[in-house]
């Protein structure tokens, strides 16, 4: 449980620091017979701030409750 709690805490902190990520995707713009034109488009994926905050809080709670049971 301690390992899962630490992983959640690290993911929560990383999620708060990086609010999303972007990547480049090639898409067909024109496809006429043997002629094909592609364009690179940048896509962005972002998440609300509450999600990593909840993951961080869950990791902290899991870590604290794990310590109380072990003591």
N, C-alpha and C. Protein backbone atom coordinates (compact mmCIF):
# COMPACT_ATOMS: atom_id res chain seq x y z
N UNK A 1 0.82 -1.20 0.00
CA UNK A 1 0.00 0.00 0.00
C UNK A 1 0.86 1.26 0.00
N UNK A 2 1.99 1.17 0.69
CA UNK A 2 2.87 2.33 0.76
C UNK A 2 3.39 2.69 -0.63
N UNK A 3 3.70 1.69 -1.43
CA UNK A 3 4.21 1.94 -2.79
C UNK A 3 3.14 2.61 -3.65
N UNK A 4 1.91 2.13 -3.56
CA UNK A 4 0.82 2.73 -4.33
C UNK A 4 0.59 4.17 -3.89
N UNK A 5 0.67 4.42 -2.58
CA UNK A 5 0.49 5.78 -2.06
C UNK A 5 1.56 6.71 -2.60
N UNK A 6 2.80 6.27 -2.62
CA UNK A 6 3.90 7.10 -3.13
C UNK A 6 3.73 7.36 -4.62
N UNK A 7 3.30 6.35 -5.36
CA UNK A 7 3.07 6.52 -6.80
C UNK A 7 1.96 7.55 -7.03
N UNK A 8 0.88 7.48 -6.25
CA UNK A 8 -0.21 8.45 -6.38
C UNK A 8 0.26 9.87 -6.05
N UNK A 9 1.08 10.00 -5.02
CA UNK A 9 1.60 11.31 -4.65
C UNK A 9 2.46 11.89 -5.76
N UNK A 10 3.34 11.07 -6.31
CA UNK A 10 4.22 11.54 -7.40
C UNK A 10 3.38 11.91 -8.63
N UNK A 11 2.39 11.09 -8.98
CA UNK A 11 1.54 11.41 -10.13
C UNK A 11 0.73 12.68 -9.88
N UNK A 12 0.25 12.87 -8.66
CA UNK A 12 -0.50 14.08 -8.33
C UNK A 12 0.34 15.33 -8.45
N UNK A 13 1.57 15.27 -7.95
CA UNK A 13 2.47 16.43 -8.05
C UNK A 13 2.82 16.70 -9.51
N UNK A 14 3.12 15.64 -10.27
CA UNK A 14 3.44 15.82 -11.69
C UNK A 14 2.24 16.40 -12.44
N UNK A 15 1.04 15.95 -12.10
CA UNK A 15 -0.15 16.48 -12.76
C UNK A 15 -0.40 17.93 -12.45
N UNK A 16 -0.04 18.36 -11.24
CA UNK A 16 -0.20 19.78 -10.89
C UNK A 16 0.85 20.63 -11.60
N UNK A 17 2.05 20.10 -11.78
CA UNK A 17 3.10 20.85 -12.45
C UNK A 17 2.83 20.94 -13.95
N UNK A 18 2.49 19.80 -14.56
CA UNK A 18 2.21 19.75 -15.99
C UNK A 18 0.70 19.63 -16.17
N UNK A 19 0.06 20.68 -16.64
CA UNK A 19 -1.40 20.68 -16.74
C UNK A 19 -1.90 19.96 -17.98
N UNK A 20 -1.02 19.37 -18.74
CA UNK A 20 -1.41 18.63 -19.94
C UNK A 20 -0.20 18.39 -20.81
N UNK A 21 -0.44 17.84 -21.98
CA UNK A 21 0.66 17.62 -22.92
C UNK A 21 0.13 17.76 -24.34
N UNK A 22 1.04 17.94 -25.25
CA UNK A 22 0.65 18.07 -26.66
C UNK A 22 1.49 17.12 -27.50
N UNK A 23 0.93 16.75 -28.64
CA UNK A 23 1.62 15.86 -29.56
C UNK A 23 1.26 16.27 -30.98
N UNK A 24 2.06 15.81 -31.93
CA UNK A 24 1.85 16.14 -33.33
C UNK A 24 1.31 14.91 -34.05
N UNK A 25 0.29 15.13 -34.86
CA UNK A 25 -0.34 14.03 -35.58
C UNK A 25 -0.42 14.39 -37.06
N UNK A 26 -0.09 13.44 -37.92
CA UNK A 26 -0.21 13.66 -39.36
C UNK A 26 -1.62 13.30 -39.79
N UNK A 27 -2.24 14.21 -40.54
CA UNK A 27 -3.60 14.00 -41.03
C UNK A 27 -3.64 14.24 -42.53
N UNK A 28 -4.47 13.43 -43.22
CA UNK A 28 -4.66 13.63 -44.65
C UNK A 28 -5.50 14.88 -44.88
N UNK A 29 -5.00 15.73 -45.74
CA UNK A 29 -5.74 16.94 -46.09
C UNK A 29 -6.41 16.75 -47.45
N UNK A 30 -5.68 16.09 -48.36
CA UNK A 30 -6.18 15.89 -49.71
C UNK A 30 -5.76 14.52 -50.19
N UNK A 31 -6.70 13.78 -50.79
CA UNK A 31 -6.40 12.45 -51.32
C UNK A 31 -7.16 12.30 -52.64
N UNK A 32 -6.44 12.62 -53.73
CA UNK A 32 -7.03 12.56 -55.06
C UNK A 32 -6.18 11.62 -55.90
N UNK A 33 -6.69 10.41 -56.13
CA UNK A 33 -5.95 9.44 -56.92
C UNK A 33 -4.59 9.16 -56.32
N UNK A 34 -3.52 9.29 -57.14
CA UNK A 34 -2.18 9.02 -56.61
C UNK A 34 -1.61 10.19 -55.79
N UNK A 35 -2.31 11.31 -55.79
CA UNK A 35 -1.84 12.49 -55.07
C UNK A 35 -2.41 12.49 -53.65
N UNK A 36 -1.52 12.59 -52.68
CA UNK A 36 -1.94 12.62 -51.28
C UNK A 36 -1.17 13.73 -50.57
N UNK A 37 -1.89 14.60 -49.88
CA UNK A 37 -1.28 15.70 -49.15
C UNK A 37 -1.59 15.51 -47.66
N UNK A 38 -0.54 15.58 -46.86
CA UNK A 38 -0.70 15.43 -45.42
C UNK A 38 -0.23 16.71 -44.73
N UNK A 39 -0.82 16.97 -43.57
CA UNK A 39 -0.42 18.12 -42.77
C UNK A 39 -0.21 17.65 -41.34
N UNK A 40 0.75 18.26 -40.68
CA UNK A 40 1.00 17.96 -39.28
C UNK A 40 0.19 18.92 -38.43
N UNK A 41 -0.62 18.35 -37.54
CA UNK A 41 -1.44 19.18 -36.67
C UNK A 41 -1.09 18.85 -35.22
N UNK A 42 -0.99 19.90 -34.43
CA UNK A 42 -0.65 19.72 -33.03
C UNK A 42 -1.92 19.58 -32.21
N UNK A 43 -1.99 18.50 -31.45
CA UNK A 43 -3.14 18.23 -30.59
C UNK A 43 -2.71 18.44 -29.14
N UNK A 44 -3.60 18.96 -28.33
CA UNK A 44 -3.30 19.21 -26.92
C UNK A 44 -4.32 18.48 -26.05
N UNK A 45 -3.81 17.78 -25.05
CA UNK A 45 -4.65 17.11 -24.07
C UNK A 45 -4.36 17.76 -22.72
N UNK A 46 -5.42 18.25 -22.09
CA UNK A 46 -5.25 18.87 -20.78
C UNK A 46 -6.32 18.32 -19.84
N UNK A 47 -6.04 18.41 -18.55
CA UNK A 47 -6.98 17.93 -17.56
C UNK A 47 -7.24 19.02 -16.54
N UNK A 48 -8.41 18.97 -15.90
CA UNK A 48 -8.72 19.97 -14.88
C UNK A 48 -7.78 19.85 -13.68
N UNK A 49 -7.53 20.94 -13.01
CA UNK A 49 -6.60 20.96 -11.88
C UNK A 49 -7.09 20.08 -10.73
N UNK A 50 -8.37 19.88 -10.62
CA UNK A 50 -8.92 19.10 -9.51
C UNK A 50 -8.51 17.63 -9.58
N UNK A 51 -8.30 17.10 -10.78
CA UNK A 51 -7.96 15.68 -10.93
C UNK A 51 -6.62 15.35 -10.28
N UNK A 52 -5.52 16.03 -10.62
CA UNK A 52 -4.27 15.70 -9.94
C UNK A 52 -4.29 16.05 -8.45
N UNK A 53 -5.09 17.05 -8.08
CA UNK A 53 -5.20 17.39 -6.65
C UNK A 53 -5.87 16.25 -5.89
N UNK A 54 -6.90 15.64 -6.47
CA UNK A 54 -7.55 14.51 -5.84
C UNK A 54 -6.64 13.28 -5.78
N UNK A 55 -5.85 13.07 -6.83
CA UNK A 55 -4.90 11.95 -6.83
C UNK A 55 -3.85 12.15 -5.75
N UNK A 56 -3.36 13.37 -5.61
CA UNK A 56 -2.38 13.69 -4.57
C UNK A 56 -2.98 13.49 -3.18
N UNK A 57 -4.19 14.00 -2.98
CA UNK A 57 -4.85 13.84 -1.68
C UNK A 57 -5.11 12.38 -1.37
N UNK A 58 -5.52 11.62 -2.36
CA UNK A 58 -5.74 10.19 -2.16
C UNK A 58 -4.47 9.46 -1.77
N UNK A 59 -3.36 9.83 -2.38
CA UNK A 59 -2.07 9.22 -2.03
C UNK A 59 -1.66 9.55 -0.61
N UNK A 60 -1.87 10.80 -0.21
CA UNK A 60 -1.51 11.21 1.15
C UNK A 60 -2.39 10.47 2.17
N UNK A 61 -3.69 10.40 1.90
CA UNK A 61 -4.59 9.69 2.81
C UNK A 61 -4.23 8.22 2.89
N UNK A 62 -3.93 7.61 1.76
CA UNK A 62 -3.54 6.20 1.74
C UNK A 62 -2.25 5.98 2.51
N UNK A 63 -1.31 6.89 2.38
CA UNK A 63 -0.04 6.77 3.09
C UNK A 63 -0.25 6.93 4.60
N UNK A 64 -1.07 7.89 5.00
CA UNK A 64 -1.31 8.12 6.42
C UNK A 64 -2.11 6.99 7.07
N UNK A 65 -3.11 6.48 6.36
CA UNK A 65 -3.90 5.37 6.94
C UNK A 65 -3.08 4.09 6.98
N UNK A 66 -2.17 3.92 6.06
CA UNK A 66 -1.30 2.75 6.07
C UNK A 66 -0.36 2.78 7.26
N UNK A 67 0.09 3.97 7.64
CA UNK A 67 0.98 4.10 8.81
C UNK A 67 0.24 3.83 10.11
N UNK A 68 -1.02 4.26 10.19
CA UNK A 68 -1.79 4.06 11.42
C UNK A 68 -2.08 2.58 11.65
N UNK A 69 -2.35 1.83 10.57
CA UNK A 69 -2.62 0.40 10.72
C UNK A 69 -1.37 -0.37 11.11
N UNK A 70 -0.21 0.08 10.62
CA UNK A 70 1.05 -0.60 10.90
C UNK A 70 1.58 -0.31 12.28
N UNK A 71 1.14 0.77 12.94
CA UNK A 71 1.68 1.19 14.23
C UNK A 71 1.07 0.47 15.38
